[in-house]
C-alpha atoms as a PDB file:
ATOM      1  CA  UNK A   1     193.273 -64.298  43.944  1.00  0.00           C
ATOM      2  CA  UNK A   2     195.005 -67.395  45.283  1.00  0.00           C
ATOM      3  CA  UNK A   3     198.411 -65.994  44.310  1.00  0.00           C
ATOM      4  CA  UNK A   4     197.752 -62.820  46.304  1.00  0.00           C
ATOM      5  CA  UNK A   5     196.746 -64.919  49.288  1.00  0.00           C
ATOM      6  CA  UNK A   6     199.818 -67.140  48.951  1.00  0.00           C
ATOM      7  CA  UNK A   7     202.244 -64.213  48.721  1.00  0.00           C
ATOM      8  CA  UNK A   8     200.593 -62.478  51.669  1.00  0.00           C
ATOM      9  CA  UNK A   9     200.672 -65.666  53.727  1.00  0.00           C
ATOM     10  CA  UNK A  10     204.312 -66.270  52.798  1.00  0.00           C
ATOM     11  CA  UNK A  11     205.290 -62.682  53.661  1.00  0.00           C
ATOM     12  CA  UNK A  12     203.413 -62.753  56.975  1.00  0.00           C
ATOM     13  CA  UNK A  13     205.321 -65.853  58.039  1.00  0.00           C
ATOM     14  CA  UNK A  14     208.804 -64.404  57.612  1.00  0.00           C
ATOM     15  CA  UNK A  15     210.842 -64.028  60.796  1.00  0.00           C
ATOM     16  CA  UNK A  16     211.926 -60.570  61.921  1.00  0.00           C
ATOM     17  CA  UNK A  17     210.673 -58.911  58.727  1.00  0.00           C
ATOM     18  CA  UNK A  18     207.513 -56.806  59.081  1.00  0.00           C
ATOM     19  CA  UNK A  19     204.694 -57.727  56.712  1.00  0.00           C
ATOM     20  CA  UNK A  20     204.673 -54.328  54.996  1.00  0.00           C
ATOM     21  CA  UNK A  21     208.426 -54.543  54.358  1.00  0.00           C
ATOM     22  CA  UNK A  22     208.308 -58.049  52.915  1.00  0.00           C
ATOM     23  CA  UNK A  23     205.322 -57.229  50.683  1.00  0.00           C
ATOM     24  CA  UNK A  24     207.003 -54.008  49.565  1.00  0.00           C
ATOM     25  CA  UNK A  25     210.130 -55.908  48.509  1.00  0.00           C
ATOM     26  CA  UNK A  26     208.283 -58.835  46.934  1.00  0.00           C
ATOM     27  CA  UNK A  27     205.949 -56.615  44.917  1.00  0.00           C
ATOM     28  CA  UNK A  28     208.643 -54.104  43.945  1.00  0.00           C
ATOM     29  CA  UNK A  29     209.185 -56.047  40.731  1.00  0.00           C
ATOM     30  CA  UNK A  30     207.245 -58.925  39.181  1.00  0.00           C
ATOM     31  CA  UNK A  31     210.483 -60.608  38.078  1.00  0.00           C
ATOM     32  CA  UNK A  32     211.711 -60.602  41.668  1.00  0.00           C
ATOM     33  CA  UNK A  33     208.499 -62.176  42.926  1.00  0.00           C
ATOM     34  CA  UNK A  34     208.572 -64.899  40.275  1.00  0.00           C
ATOM     35  CA  UNK A  35     212.296 -65.594  40.643  1.00  0.00           C
ATOM     36  CA  UNK A  36     212.108 -65.655  44.429  1.00  0.00           C
ATOM     37  CA  UNK A  37     209.050 -67.849  44.873  1.00  0.00           C
ATOM     38  CA  UNK A  38     210.142 -70.002  41.938  1.00  0.00           C
ATOM     39  CA  UNK A  39     212.984 -71.416  44.059  1.00  0.00           C
ATOM     40  CA  UNK A  40     211.123 -73.672  46.485  1.00  0.00           C
ATOM     41  CA  UNK A  41     214.271 -75.305  47.812  1.00  0.00           C
ATOM     42  CA  UNK A  42     215.607 -71.946  48.923  1.00  0.00           C
ATOM     43  CA  UNK A  43     212.376 -70.280  49.974  1.00  0.00           C
ATOM     44  CA  UNK A  44     211.185 -73.312  51.952  1.00  0.00           C
ATOM     45  CA  UNK A  45     213.468 -72.138  54.742  1.00  0.00           C
ATOM     46  CA  UNK A  46     211.924 -69.261  56.642  1.00  0.00           C
ATOM     47  CA  UNK A  47     215.338 -68.247  57.930  1.00  0.00           C
ATOM     48  CA  UNK A  48     216.840 -68.024  54.434  1.00  0.00           C
ATOM     49  CA  UNK A  49     213.835 -66.243  52.926  1.00  0.00           C
ATOM     50  CA  UNK A  50     213.763 -63.743  55.777  1.00  0.00           C
ATOM     51  CA  UNK A  51     217.452 -62.993  55.354  1.00  0.00           C
ATOM     52  CA  UNK A  52     217.159 -62.432  51.596  1.00  0.00           C
ATOM     53  CA  UNK A  53     214.155 -60.109  51.981  1.00  0.00           C
ATOM     54  CA  UNK A  54     215.804 -58.201  54.847  1.00  0.00           C
ATOM     55  CA  UNK A  55     219.045 -57.652  52.919  1.00  0.00           C
ATOM     56  CA  UNK A  56     217.193 -56.554  49.778  1.00  0.00           C
ATOM     57  CA  UNK A  57     215.159 -54.123  51.874  1.00  0.00           C
ATOM     58  CA  UNK A  58     218.272 -52.776  53.611  1.00  0.00           C
ATOM     59  CA  UNK A  59     219.799 -52.161  50.179  1.00  0.00           C
ATOM     60  CA  UNK A  60     216.815 -50.005  49.227  1.00  0.00           C
ATOM     61  CA  UNK A  61     214.744 -52.410  47.174  1.00  0.00           C
ATOM     62  CA  UNK A  62     211.038 -51.879  47.563  1.00  0.00           C
ATOM     63  CA  UNK A  63     211.307 -48.341  48.873  1.00  0.00           C
ATOM     64  CA  UNK A  64     210.210 -46.704  45.681  1.00  0.00           C
ATOM     65  CA  UNK A  65     213.534 -47.466  44.054  1.00  0.00           C
ATOM     66  CA  UNK A  66     213.985 -49.446  40.897  1.00  0.00           C
ATOM     67  CA  UNK A  67     217.355 -50.993  41.679  1.00  0.00           C
ATOM     68  CA  UNK A  68     216.314 -54.557  40.886  1.00  0.00           C
ATOM     69  CA  UNK A  69     218.621 -56.331  38.465  1.00  0.00           C
ATOM     70  CA  UNK A  70     217.041 -59.566  37.248  1.00  0.00           C
ATOM     71  CA  UNK A  71     220.322 -61.104  36.066  1.00  0.00           C
ATOM     72  CA  UNK A  72     222.116 -60.394  39.326  1.00  0.00           C
ATOM     73  CA  UNK A  73     219.183 -61.639  41.376  1.00  0.00           C
ATOM     74  CA  UNK A  74     219.007 -64.897  39.431  1.00  0.00           C
ATOM     75  CA  UNK A  75     222.765 -65.328  39.927  1.00  0.00           C
ATOM     76  CA  UNK A  76     222.307 -64.668  43.650  1.00  0.00           C
ATOM     77  CA  UNK A  77     219.553 -67.270  43.976  1.00  0.00           C
ATOM     78  CA  UNK A  78     221.530 -69.777  41.904  1.00  0.00           C
ATOM     79  CA  UNK A  79     224.584 -69.292  44.128  1.00  0.00           C
ATOM     80  CA  UNK A  80     222.529 -69.736  47.300  1.00  0.00           C
ATOM     81  CA  UNK A  81     220.991 -72.925  45.873  1.00  0.00           C
ATOM     82  CA  UNK A  82     224.399 -74.236  44.847  1.00  0.00           C
ATOM     83  CA  UNK A  83     226.098 -73.568  48.166  1.00  0.00           C
ATOM     84  CA  UNK A  84     223.178 -74.750  50.251  1.00  0.00           C
ATOM     85  CA  UNK A  85     223.557 -78.130  48.573  1.00  0.00           C
ATOM     86  CA  UNK A  86     226.725 -78.746  50.580  1.00  0.00           C
ATOM     87  CA  UNK A  87     225.957 -76.739  53.734  1.00  0.00           C
ATOM     88  CA  UNK A  88     222.944 -77.001  56.006  1.00  0.00           C
ATOM     89  CA  UNK A  89     222.322 -73.269  56.259  1.00  0.00           C
ATOM     90  CA  UNK A  90     219.727 -73.637  58.986  1.00  0.00           C
ATOM     91  CA  UNK A  91     222.315 -75.329  61.209  1.00  0.00           C
ATOM     92  CA  UNK A  92     224.780 -72.430  61.016  1.00  0.00           C
ATOM     93  CA  UNK A  93     225.339 -70.155  63.992  1.00  0.00           C
ATOM     94  CA  UNK A  94     223.914 -66.678  63.461  1.00  0.00           C
ATOM     95  CA  UNK A  95     227.342 -65.086  62.873  1.00  0.00           C
ATOM     96  CA  UNK A  96     228.281 -67.745  60.299  1.00  0.00           C
ATOM     97  CA  UNK A  97     224.851 -67.448  58.671  1.00  0.00           C
ATOM     98  CA  UNK A  98     225.255 -63.669  58.362  1.00  0.00           C
ATOM     99  CA  UNK A  99     228.798 -64.020  56.995  1.00  0.00           C
ATOM    100  CA  UNK A 100     227.599 -66.592  54.442  1.00  0.00           C
ATOM    101  CA  UNK A 101     224.979 -64.202  53.086  1.00  0.00           C
ATOM    102  CA  UNK A 102     227.226 -61.145  53.208  1.00  0.00           C
ATOM    103  CA  UNK A 103     229.773 -62.976  51.061  1.00  0.00           C
ATOM    104  CA  UNK A 104     227.198 -64.169  48.531  1.00  0.00           C
ATOM    105  CA  UNK A 105     225.450 -60.813  48.262  1.00  0.00           C
ATOM    106  CA  UNK A 106     228.771 -58.991  47.906  1.00  0.00           C
ATOM    107  CA  UNK A 107     230.008 -61.336  45.182  1.00  0.00           C
ATOM    108  CA  UNK A 108     226.815 -61.603  43.152  1.00  0.00           C
ATOM    109  CA  UNK A 109     224.395 -58.762  43.743  1.00  0.00           C
ATOM    110  CA  UNK A 110     225.977 -55.609  45.164  1.00  0.00           C
END
């Protein structure tokens, strides 16, 4: 019960991502939920979490599709963690922030 509450609370707090969209993506695959929330350094940033969920949703994840690839997602999260160690992602301008994620998603996930 507490896990359901935590995920719902987490999803409700994401910026510019509707609750139903974030829950749909997060619950589209149990591996995604565990891999995503298992990275507290990455998911502690609302801006980063919102961007990841929004991009996954825009790519069709959580809309009844089963296009989740655990290996690619883990590589994506690892790459974000690695790069965010040398860059303060929350300090980036919106255009640089978007370009950062486009590059990582293109090279690791899509």
